[in-house]
Amino acid sequence: MTLITKDFSTGYEENKIIKSISLSLEKSEWLGIVGANGSGKSTFLKGISRILDAHTGNAYLDGQDIHHSSTKEIAKKISVLPQHQRSNLTLTVYELVCLGRSPHKKWWELDLDENDHIKVERSIELTDMTAFKDKPVDTLSGGQRQRAFLSLALAQDAKTLLLDEPTTFLDLRYQLQFLDLLKRLNNEQALSIITVIHDLNLAARYCDRIAVLKDGELLAIDKPREVLTHELLKNAFQVETCQIETPIGLQICTIKSDELER
């Protein structure tokens, strides 16, 4: 599936945050969205997932205008993993993941059929959560809980996955485990992924392309090596950086930040 935005703007009521962004997400591509705090990263994700209305422009999924399609139809094609998950859920992992089949059911179909249960089991298996499927979600660790909600997203059977800073509340070990899992799903399940991510080195390591936002505008979008340059990062983040080659590829070293405004 291909997701395209054309002169896309969105925000909160009359407050336009995202200003005329045009970009594309190709099938099986992982696109990272980076930028300083307040640059509009999460707002952009909310706009293309229909949480926020489009102010101007359009967002298309395989030629279908996202904001002029039914919620159920879009939910069959786009799964969203928000930044903040409820931690007090008494549902088991299996019961949670079953909710992902809702877009595929008629309003009168209260129970899941055999095919639905196969999809749920497969989603749990793909995220290595089989051993935890009967455990209440509120008893899981942060990394396990994030994988449970990823299972829920996968159960929708959508081919486009949107994630808002999915590693924010995870320690380093679980960050790498979760992103390795996403990369495997990206490759093996042909998932197209857009991830808002604050860690530039993780973005460089995992994403095929990176889009840099500043003040709601798109500064650049390209492969990590072409985007994460000294000049562009100074513009976007007001920091001095340099590129370093490592055994895992390109990494960014911060040298210093600009002085605080007085």
C-alpha atoms as a PDB file:
ATOM      1  CA  MET A   1       0.000   0.000   0.000  1.00  0.00           C
ATOM      2  CA  THR A   2       1.141   3.554  -0.747  1.00  0.00           C
ATOM      3  CA  LEU A   3       0.310   6.497   1.516  1.00  0.00           C
ATOM      4  CA  ILE A   4       0.646   9.979   0.020  1.00  0.00           C
ATOM      5  CA  THR A   5       0.023  13.427   1.458  1.00  0.00           C
ATOM      6  CA  LYS A   6      -0.367  16.440  -0.843  1.00  0.00           C
ATOM      7  CA  ASP A   7      -0.109  19.939   0.638  1.00  0.00           C
ATOM      8  CA  PHE A   8      -1.508  18.410   3.821  1.00  0.00           C
ATOM      9  CA  SER A   9      -2.244  20.722   6.755  1.00  0.00           C
ATOM     10  CA  THR A  10      -3.844  19.895  10.090  1.00  0.00           C
ATOM     11  CA  GLY A  11      -4.008  21.043  13.691  1.00  0.00           C
ATOM     12  CA  TYR A  12      -6.379  21.782  16.533  1.00  0.00           C
ATOM     13  CA  GLU A  13      -9.517  23.743  15.615  1.00  0.00           C
ATOM     14  CA  GLU A  14      -8.260  26.964  14.017  1.00  0.00           C
ATOM     15  CA  ASN A  15      -4.658  26.428  15.099  1.00  0.00           C
ATOM     16  CA  LYS A  16      -2.802  25.045  12.082  1.00  0.00           C
ATOM     17  CA  ILE A  17       0.213  23.051  13.280  1.00  0.00           C
ATOM     18  CA  ILE A  18       1.144  21.077  10.154  1.00  0.00           C
ATOM     19  CA  LYS A  19       1.632  23.282   7.099  1.00  0.00           C
ATOM     20  CA  SER A  20       1.341  21.919   3.565  1.00  0.00           C
ATOM     21  CA  ILE A  21       3.379  18.728   3.912  1.00  0.00           C
ATOM     22  CA  SER A  22       3.745  16.520   0.839  1.00  0.00           C
ATOM     23  CA  LEU A  23       5.404  13.128   1.192  1.00  0.00           C
ATOM     24  CA  SER A  24       4.897   9.461   0.402  1.00  0.00           C
ATOM     25  CA  LEU A  25       5.251   6.092   2.118  1.00  0.00           C
ATOM     26  CA  GLU A  26       5.921   3.210  -0.231  1.00  0.00           C
ATOM     27  CA  LYS A  27       4.949  -0.428   0.263  1.00  0.00           C
ATOM     28  CA  SER A  28       7.204  -2.180   2.823  1.00  0.00           C
ATOM     29  CA  GLU A  29       9.016   1.078   3.642  1.00  0.00           C
ATOM     30  CA  TRP A  30       9.868   2.298   7.141  1.00  0.00           C
ATOM     31  CA  LEU A  31       9.703   6.089   7.384  1.00  0.00           C
ATOM     32  CA  GLY A  32      10.920   7.850  10.520  1.00  0.00           C
ATOM     33  CA  ILE A  33       9.584  11.274  11.550  1.00  0.00           C
ATOM     34  CA  VAL A  34      12.028  13.359  13.594  1.00  0.00           C
ATOM     35  CA  GLY A  35      12.168  16.929  14.812  1.00  0.00           C
ATOM     36  CA  ALA A  36      12.530  19.062  17.915  1.00  0.00           C
ATOM     37  CA  ASN A  37       9.789  19.232  20.542  1.00  0.00           C
ATOM     38  CA  GLY A  38       6.844  21.159  19.153  1.00  0.00           C
ATOM     39  CA  SER A  39       7.805  20.564  15.526  1.00  0.00           C
ATOM     40  CA  GLY A  40       4.495  18.796  14.797  1.00  0.00           C
ATOM     41  CA  LYS A  41       5.579  15.145  14.636  1.00  0.00           C
ATOM     42  CA  SER A  42       2.701  13.685  16.662  1.00  0.00           C
ATOM     43  CA  THR A  43       0.202  16.121  15.150  1.00  0.00           C
ATOM     44  CA  PHE A  44       1.147  14.942  11.658  1.00  0.00           C
ATOM     45  CA  LEU A  45       0.587  11.325  12.710  1.00  0.00           C
ATOM     46  CA  LYS A  46      -2.796  12.217  14.210  1.00  0.00           C
ATOM     47  CA  GLY A  47      -3.746  13.950  10.988  1.00  0.00           C
ATOM     48  CA  ILE A  48      -2.983  11.041   8.671  1.00  0.00           C
ATOM     49  CA  SER A  49      -4.695   8.613  11.073  1.00  0.00           C
ATOM     50  CA  ARG A  50      -7.909  10.724  11.086  1.00  0.00           C
ATOM     51  CA  ILE A  51      -7.697  11.623  14.774  1.00  0.00           C
ATOM     52  CA  LEU A  52      -7.479  15.203  13.508  1.00  0.00           C
ATOM     53  CA  ASP A  53      -9.294  16.592  10.476  1.00  0.00           C
ATOM     54  CA  ALA A  54      -7.438  17.895   7.458  1.00  0.00           C
ATOM     55  CA  HIS A  55      -7.406  21.710   7.290  1.00  0.00           C
ATOM     56  CA  THR A  56      -6.202  21.807   3.703  1.00  0.00           C
ATOM     57  CA  GLY A  57      -4.770  19.323   1.253  1.00  0.00           C
ATOM     58  CA  ASN A  58      -5.301  15.583   1.220  1.00  0.00           C
ATOM     59  CA  ALA A  59      -3.951  12.276   2.508  1.00  0.00           C
ATOM     60  CA  TYR A  60      -4.415   9.241   0.260  1.00  0.00           C
ATOM     61  CA  LEU A  61      -4.025   5.528   0.858  1.00  0.00           C
ATOM     62  CA  ASP A  62      -3.839   3.641  -2.427  1.00  0.00           C
ATOM     63  CA  GLY A  63      -5.616   6.553  -4.084  1.00  0.00           C
ATOM     64  CA  GLN A  64      -8.413   6.649  -1.499  1.00  0.00           C
ATOM     65  CA  ASP A  65      -8.836   9.928   0.414  1.00  0.00           C
ATOM     66  CA  ILE A  66      -8.385   8.971   4.068  1.00  0.00           C
ATOM     67  CA  HIS A  67     -10.568  11.782   5.398  1.00  0.00           C
ATOM     68  CA  HIS A  68     -13.440  10.987   3.044  1.00  0.00           C
ATOM     69  CA  SER A  69     -13.545   7.259   3.803  1.00  0.00           C
ATOM     70  CA  SER A  70     -15.371   5.410   6.550  1.00  0.00           C
ATOM     71  CA  THR A  71     -13.552   4.824   9.819  1.00  0.00           C
ATOM     72  CA  LYS A  72     -14.069   1.078   9.520  1.00  0.00           C
ATOM     73  CA  GLU A  73     -12.601   0.903   6.015  1.00  0.00           C
ATOM     74  CA  ILE A  74      -9.534   2.903   7.006  1.00  0.00           C
ATOM     75  CA  ALA A  75      -9.091   0.752  10.148  1.00  0.00           C
ATOM     76  CA  LYS A  76      -8.761  -2.271   7.870  1.00  0.00           C
ATOM     77  CA  LYS A  77      -5.793  -0.607   6.177  1.00  0.00           C
ATOM     78  CA  ILE A  78      -4.105   1.506   8.876  1.00  0.00           C
ATOM     79  CA  SER A  79      -3.243   0.424  12.417  1.00  0.00           C
ATOM     80  CA  VAL A  80      -2.210   3.026  14.994  1.00  0.00           C
ATOM     81  CA  LEU A  81      -0.074   2.514  18.099  1.00  0.00           C
ATOM     82  CA  PRO A  82      -0.353   5.749  20.132  1.00  0.00           C
ATOM     83  CA  GLN A  83       2.322   7.007  22.502  1.00  0.00           C
ATOM     84  CA  HIS A  84       0.308   6.511  25.689  1.00  0.00           C
ATOM     85  CA  GLN A  85      -1.311   3.129  26.404  1.00  0.00           C
ATOM     86  CA  ARG A  86      -3.747   2.382  29.204  1.00  0.00           C
ATOM     87  CA  SER A  87      -1.898   0.456  31.914  1.00  0.00           C
ATOM     88  CA  ASN A  88      -4.895  -0.432  34.089  1.00  0.00           C
ATOM     89  CA  LEU A  89      -6.544  -2.848  31.679  1.00  0.00           C
ATOM     90  CA  THR A  90      -7.880  -6.012  33.316  1.00  0.00           C
ATOM     91  CA  LEU A  91      -8.312  -7.689  29.925  1.00  0.00           C
ATOM     92  CA  THR A  92      -6.009 -10.573  29.147  1.00  0.00           C
ATOM     93  CA  VAL A  93      -3.608 -10.190  26.249  1.00  0.00           C
ATOM     94  CA  TYR A  94      -5.801 -12.504  24.158  1.00  0.00           C
ATOM     95  CA  GLU A  95      -8.946 -10.489  24.933  1.00  0.00           C
ATOM     96  CA  LEU A  96      -7.123  -7.254  24.068  1.00  0.00           C
ATOM     97  CA  VAL A  97      -5.878  -8.563  20.737  1.00  0.00           C
ATOM     98  CA  CYS A  98      -9.381  -9.796  19.857  1.00  0.00           C
ATOM     99  CA  LEU A  99     -10.454  -6.134  19.758  1.00  0.00           C
ATOM    100  CA  GLY A 100      -8.287  -5.740  16.666  1.00  0.00           C
ATOM    101  CA  ARG A 101     -10.784  -7.775  14.678  1.00  0.00           C
ATOM    102  CA  SER A 102     -13.586  -5.214  15.223  1.00  0.00           C
ATOM    103  CA  PRO A 103     -13.123  -3.425  11.856  1.00  0.00           C
ATOM    104  CA  HIS A 104     -13.781  -6.714  10.076  1.00  0.00           C
ATOM    105  CA  LYS A 105     -17.076  -7.485  11.853  1.00  0.00           C
ATOM    106  CA  LYS A 106     -20.622  -6.389  11.073  1.00  0.00           C
ATOM    107  CA  TRP A 107     -22.379  -4.448  13.809  1.00  0.00           C
ATOM    108  CA  TRP A 108     -24.539  -7.449  14.667  1.00  0.00           C
ATOM    109  CA  GLU A 109     -21.630  -9.908  14.799  1.00  0.00           C
ATOM    110  CA  LEU A 110     -20.797 -10.070  18.491  1.00  0.00           C
ATOM    111  CA  ASP A 111     -18.575 -13.152  18.414  1.00  0.00           C
ATOM    112  CA  LEU A 112     -15.368 -13.874  16.533  1.00  0.00           C
ATOM    113  CA  ASP A 113     -15.375 -16.706  14.017  1.00  0.00           C
ATOM    114  CA  GLU A 114     -12.668 -19.305  13.432  1.00  0.00           C
ATOM    115  CA  ASN A 115     -10.803 -17.086  10.966  1.00  0.00           C
ATOM    116  CA  ASP A 116     -10.754 -14.229  13.488  1.00  0.00           C
ATOM    117  CA  HIS A 117      -9.254 -16.457  16.169  1.00  0.00           C
ATOM    118  CA  ILE A 118      -6.609 -17.653  13.714  1.00  0.00           C
ATOM    119  CA  LYS A 119      -5.682 -14.017  13.024  1.00  0.00           C
ATOM    120  CA  VAL A 120      -5.521 -13.254  16.754  1.00  0.00           C
ATOM    121  CA  GLU A 121      -3.329 -16.281  17.490  1.00  0.00           C
ATOM    122  CA  ARG A 122      -1.045 -15.375  14.595  1.00  0.00           C
ATOM    123  CA  SER A 123      -0.684 -11.773  15.756  1.00  0.00           C
ATOM    124  CA  ILE A 124       0.243 -12.913  19.255  1.00  0.00           C
ATOM    125  CA  GLU A 125       2.729 -15.394  17.821  1.00  0.00           C
ATOM    126  CA  LEU A 126       4.351 -12.768  15.583  1.00  0.00           C
ATOM    127  CA  THR A 127       5.078 -10.547  18.595  1.00  0.00           C
ATOM    128  CA  ASP A 128       6.414 -13.412  20.740  1.00  0.00           C
ATOM    129  CA  MET A 129       3.569 -13.003  23.239  1.00  0.00           C
ATOM    130  CA  THR A 130       2.153 -16.564  23.200  1.00  0.00           C
ATOM    131  CA  ALA A 131       3.476 -17.301  26.699  1.00  0.00           C
ATOM    132  CA  PHE A 132       1.638 -14.217  28.026  1.00  0.00           C
ATOM    133  CA  LYS A 133      -1.679 -14.461  26.162  1.00  0.00           C
ATOM    134  CA  ASP A 134      -3.687 -15.439  29.265  1.00  0.00           C
ATOM    135  CA  LYS A 135      -2.114 -12.811  31.516  1.00  0.00           C
ATOM    136  CA  PRO A 136      -3.929  -9.537  32.339  1.00  0.00           C
ATOM    137  CA  VAL A 137      -2.410  -6.604  30.475  1.00  0.00           C
ATOM    138  CA  ASP A 138      -1.984  -4.612  33.702  1.00  0.00           C
ATOM    139  CA  THR A 139       0.446  -7.250  35.061  1.00  0.00           C
ATOM    140  CA  LEU A 140       2.875  -6.972  32.138  1.00  0.00           C
ATOM    141  CA  SER A 141       6.177  -5.133  32.020  1.00  0.00           C
ATOM    142  CA  GLY A 142       6.495  -2.056  29.815  1.00  0.00           C
ATOM    143  CA  GLY A 143       8.098  -3.997  26.979  1.00  0.00           C
ATOM    144  CA  GLN A 144       5.555  -6.804  27.163  1.00  0.00           C
ATOM    145  CA  ARG A 145       2.663  -4.343  27.244  1.00  0.00           C
ATOM    146  CA  GLN A 146       3.968  -2.559  24.162  1.00  0.00           C
ATOM    147  CA  ARG A 147       4.189  -5.882  22.328  1.00  0.00           C
ATOM    148  CA  ALA A 148       0.631  -6.718  23.413  1.00  0.00           C
ATOM    149  CA  PHE A 149      -0.676  -3.494  21.870  1.00  0.00           C
ATOM    150  CA  LEU A 150       1.388  -4.181  18.773  1.00  0.00           C
ATOM    151  CA  SER A 151      -0.387  -7.564  18.576  1.00  0.00           C
ATOM    152  CA  LEU A 152      -3.687  -5.677  18.741  1.00  0.00           C
ATOM    153  CA  ALA A 153      -2.580  -3.470  15.844  1.00  0.00           C
ATOM    154  CA  LEU A 154      -1.480  -6.484  13.801  1.00  0.00           C
ATOM    155  CA  ALA A 155      -4.800  -8.250  14.389  1.00  0.00           C
ATOM    156  CA  GLN A 156      -6.470  -5.494  12.346  1.00  0.00           C
ATOM    157  CA  ASP A 157      -4.705  -7.109   9.383  1.00  0.00           C
ATOM    158  CA  ALA A 158      -3.704  -3.678   8.091  1.00  0.00           C
ATOM    159  CA  LYS A 159      -0.600  -3.256   5.979  1.00  0.00           C
ATOM    160  CA  THR A 160       0.248   0.256   7.190  1.00  0.00           C
ATOM    161  CA  LEU A 161       1.337   0.796  10.796  1.00  0.00           C
ATOM    162  CA  LEU A 162       1.638   4.216  12.481  1.00  0.00           C
ATOM    163  CA  LEU A 163       3.551   4.454  15.768  1.00  0.00           C
ATOM    164  CA  ASP A 164       4.044   7.521  17.961  1.00  0.00           C
ATOM    165  CA  GLU A 165       7.341   7.261  19.870  1.00  0.00           C
ATOM    166  CA  PRO A 166       6.817   3.566  20.709  1.00  0.00           C
ATOM    167  CA  THR A 167      10.037   3.256  22.736  1.00  0.00           C
ATOM    168  CA  THR A 168       9.671   6.359  24.937  1.00  0.00           C
ATOM    169  CA  PHE A 169       8.962   4.520  28.191  1.00  0.00           C
ATOM    170  CA  LEU A 170      11.206   1.509  27.540  1.00  0.00           C
ATOM    171  CA  ASP A 171      14.770   0.991  28.753  1.00  0.00           C
ATOM    172  CA  LEU A 172      17.532   0.503  26.197  1.00  0.00           C
ATOM    173  CA  ARG A 173      17.267  -3.288  26.056  1.00  0.00           C
ATOM    174  CA  TYR A 174      13.517  -3.258  25.395  1.00  0.00           C
ATOM    175  CA  GLN A 175      13.862  -0.396  22.916  1.00  0.00           C
ATOM    176  CA  LEU A 176      16.182  -2.491  20.763  1.00  0.00           C
ATOM    177  CA  GLN A 177      14.058  -5.620  21.173  1.00  0.00           C
ATOM    178  CA  PHE A 178      10.910  -3.762  20.117  1.00  0.00           C
ATOM    179  CA  LEU A 179      12.531  -2.072  17.119  1.00  0.00           C
ATOM    180  CA  ASP A 180      14.154  -5.352  16.034  1.00  0.00           C
ATOM    181  CA  LEU A 181      10.677  -6.903  16.156  1.00  0.00           C
ATOM    182  CA  LEU A 182       9.255  -4.076  14.036  1.00  0.00           C
ATOM    183  CA  LYS A 183      12.063  -4.501  11.498  1.00  0.00           C
ATOM    184  CA  ARG A 184      11.328  -8.220  11.251  1.00  0.00           C
ATOM    185  CA  LEU A 185       7.625  -7.520  10.689  1.00  0.00           C
ATOM    186  CA  ASN A 186       8.537  -4.813   8.184  1.00  0.00           C
ATOM    187  CA  ASN A 187      10.582  -7.329   6.192  1.00  0.00           C
ATOM    188  CA  GLU A 188       8.639 -10.566   6.630  1.00  0.00           C
ATOM    189  CA  GLN A 189       5.057  -9.235   6.646  1.00  0.00           C
ATOM    190  CA  ALA A 190       5.669  -6.435   4.111  1.00  0.00           C
ATOM    191  CA  LEU A 191       4.386  -3.836   6.576  1.00  0.00           C
ATOM    192  CA  SER A 192       4.690  -0.161   5.701  1.00  0.00           C
ATOM    193  CA  ILE A 193       5.619   1.784   8.840  1.00  0.00           C
ATOM    194  CA  ILE A 194       5.686   5.417   9.907  1.00  0.00           C
ATOM    195  CA  THR A 195       7.305   6.005  13.288  1.00  0.00           C
ATOM    196  CA  VAL A 196       7.629   9.241  15.210  1.00  0.00           C
ATOM    197  CA  ILE A 197      10.972   8.765  16.938  1.00  0.00           C
ATOM    198  CA  HIS A 198      13.071  11.127  19.055  1.00  0.00           C
ATOM    199  CA  ASP A 199      16.353   9.183  19.013  1.00  0.00           C
ATOM    200  CA  LEU A 200      18.261  10.097  15.847  1.00  0.00           C
ATOM    201  CA  ASN A 201      20.601   7.131  16.133  1.00  0.00           C
ATOM    202  CA  LEU A 202      17.727   4.667  16.348  1.00  0.00           C
ATOM    203  CA  ALA A 203      16.119   6.408  13.378  1.00  0.00           C
ATOM    204  CA  ALA A 204      19.354   6.076  11.391  1.00  0.00           C
ATOM    205  CA  ARG A 205      19.687   2.422  12.362  1.00  0.00           C
ATOM    206  CA  TYR A 206      16.169   1.218  11.545  1.00  0.00           C
ATOM    207  CA  CYS A 207      14.439   3.566   9.084  1.00  0.00           C
ATOM    208  CA  ASP A 208      14.702   3.404   5.303  1.00  0.00           C
ATOM    209  CA  ARG A 209      14.040   7.142   5.032  1.00  0.00           C
ATOM    210  CA  ILE A 210      13.725   9.980   7.517  1.00  0.00           C
ATOM    211  CA  ALA A 211      11.513  13.074   7.359  1.00  0.00           C
ATOM    212  CA  VAL A 212      12.651  16.082   9.396  1.00  0.00           C
ATOM    213  CA  LEU A 213      10.025  18.551  10.623  1.00  0.00           C
ATOM    214  CA  LYS A 214      10.489  22.074  11.962  1.00  0.00           C
ATOM    215  CA  ASP A 215       7.655  24.378  13.029  1.00  0.00           C
ATOM    216  CA  GLY A 216       5.124  22.168  11.251  1.00  0.00           C
ATOM    217  CA  GLU A 217       6.959  22.211   7.923  1.00  0.00           C
ATOM    218  CA  LEU A 218       8.924  19.497   6.146  1.00  0.00           C
ATOM    219  CA  LEU A 219      12.602  20.434   6.037  1.00  0.00           C
ATOM    220  CA  ALA A 220      13.821  17.319   4.242  1.00  0.00           C
ATOM    221  CA  ILE A 221      12.978  13.695   3.500  1.00  0.00           C
ATOM    222  CA  ASP A 222      15.564  11.218   2.248  1.00  0.00           C
ATOM    223  CA  LYS A 223      17.774   8.331   3.303  1.00  0.00           C
ATOM    224  CA  PRO A 224      19.336   8.772   6.776  1.00  0.00           C
ATOM    225  CA  ARG A 225      22.808   9.591   5.452  1.00  0.00           C
ATOM    226  CA  GLU A 226      21.420  12.378   3.261  1.00  0.00           C
ATOM    227  CA  VAL A 227      19.175  13.878   5.941  1.00  0.00           C
ATOM    228  CA  LEU A 228      21.157  13.613   9.182  1.00  0.00           C
ATOM    229  CA  THR A 229      23.800  16.130   8.143  1.00  0.00           C
ATOM    230  CA  HIS A 230      25.504  18.736  10.289  1.00  0.00           C
ATOM    231  CA  GLU A 231      23.795  21.621   8.516  1.00  0.00           C
ATOM    232  CA  LEU A 232      20.276  20.210   8.557  1.00  0.00           C
ATOM    233  CA  LEU A 233      20.409  19.043  12.189  1.00  0.00           C
ATOM    234  CA  LYS A 234      21.711  22.452  13.266  1.00  0.00           C
ATOM    235  CA  ASN A 235      18.724  24.013  11.534  1.00  0.00           C
ATOM    236  CA  ALA A 236      16.197  21.571  13.005  1.00  0.00           C
ATOM    237  CA  PHE A 237      17.582  21.085  16.524  1.00  0.00           C
ATOM    238  CA  GLN A 238      20.042  23.975  17.086  1.00  0.00           C
ATOM    239  CA  VAL A 239      22.866  21.542  17.889  1.00  0.00           C
ATOM    240  CA  GLU A 240      26.320  20.898  16.466  1.00  0.00           C
ATOM    241  CA  THR A 241      26.711  17.277  15.309  1.00  0.00           C
ATOM    242  CA  CYS A 242      28.955  15.018  13.297  1.00  0.00           C
ATOM    243  CA  GLN A 243      28.391  11.724  11.487  1.00  0.00           C
ATOM    244  CA  ILE A 244      30.291   8.668  12.704  1.00  0.00           C
ATOM    245  CA  GLU A 245      30.649   5.326  10.945  1.00  0.00           C
ATOM    246  CA  THR A 246      30.150   2.393  13.319  1.00  0.00           C
ATOM    247  CA  PRO A 247      29.785  -1.403  12.978  1.00  0.00           C
ATOM    248  CA  ILE A 248      25.988  -0.905  12.893  1.00  0.00           C
ATOM    249  CA  GLY A 249      26.153   1.888  10.331  1.00  0.00           C
ATOM    250  CA  LEU A 250      25.763   5.657  10.500  1.00  0.00           C
ATOM    251  CA  GLN A 251      25.420   7.222  13.947  1.00  0.00           C
ATOM    252  CA  ILE A 252      25.135  10.860  15.044  1.00  0.00           C
ATOM    253  CA  CYS A 253      27.335  12.396  17.735  1.00  0.00           C
ATOM    254  CA  THR A 254      26.154  15.615  19.412  1.00  0.00           C
ATOM    255  CA  ILE A 255      29.031  18.022  19.979  1.00  0.00           C
ATOM    256  CA  LYS A 256      27.283  20.990  21.562  1.00  0.00           C
ATOM    257  CA  SER A 257      24.009  22.886  21.568  1.00  0.00           C
ATOM    258  CA  ASP A 258      23.449  26.538  20.826  1.00  0.00           C
ATOM    259  CA  GLU A 259      23.440  28.844  23.820  1.00  0.00           C
ATOM    260  CA  LEU A 260      20.108  29.371  25.540  1.00  0.00           C
ATOM    261  CA  GLU A 261      18.247  32.466  24.492  1.00  0.00           C
ATOM    262  CA  ARG A 262      18.300  35.172  27.143  1.00  0.00           C
END
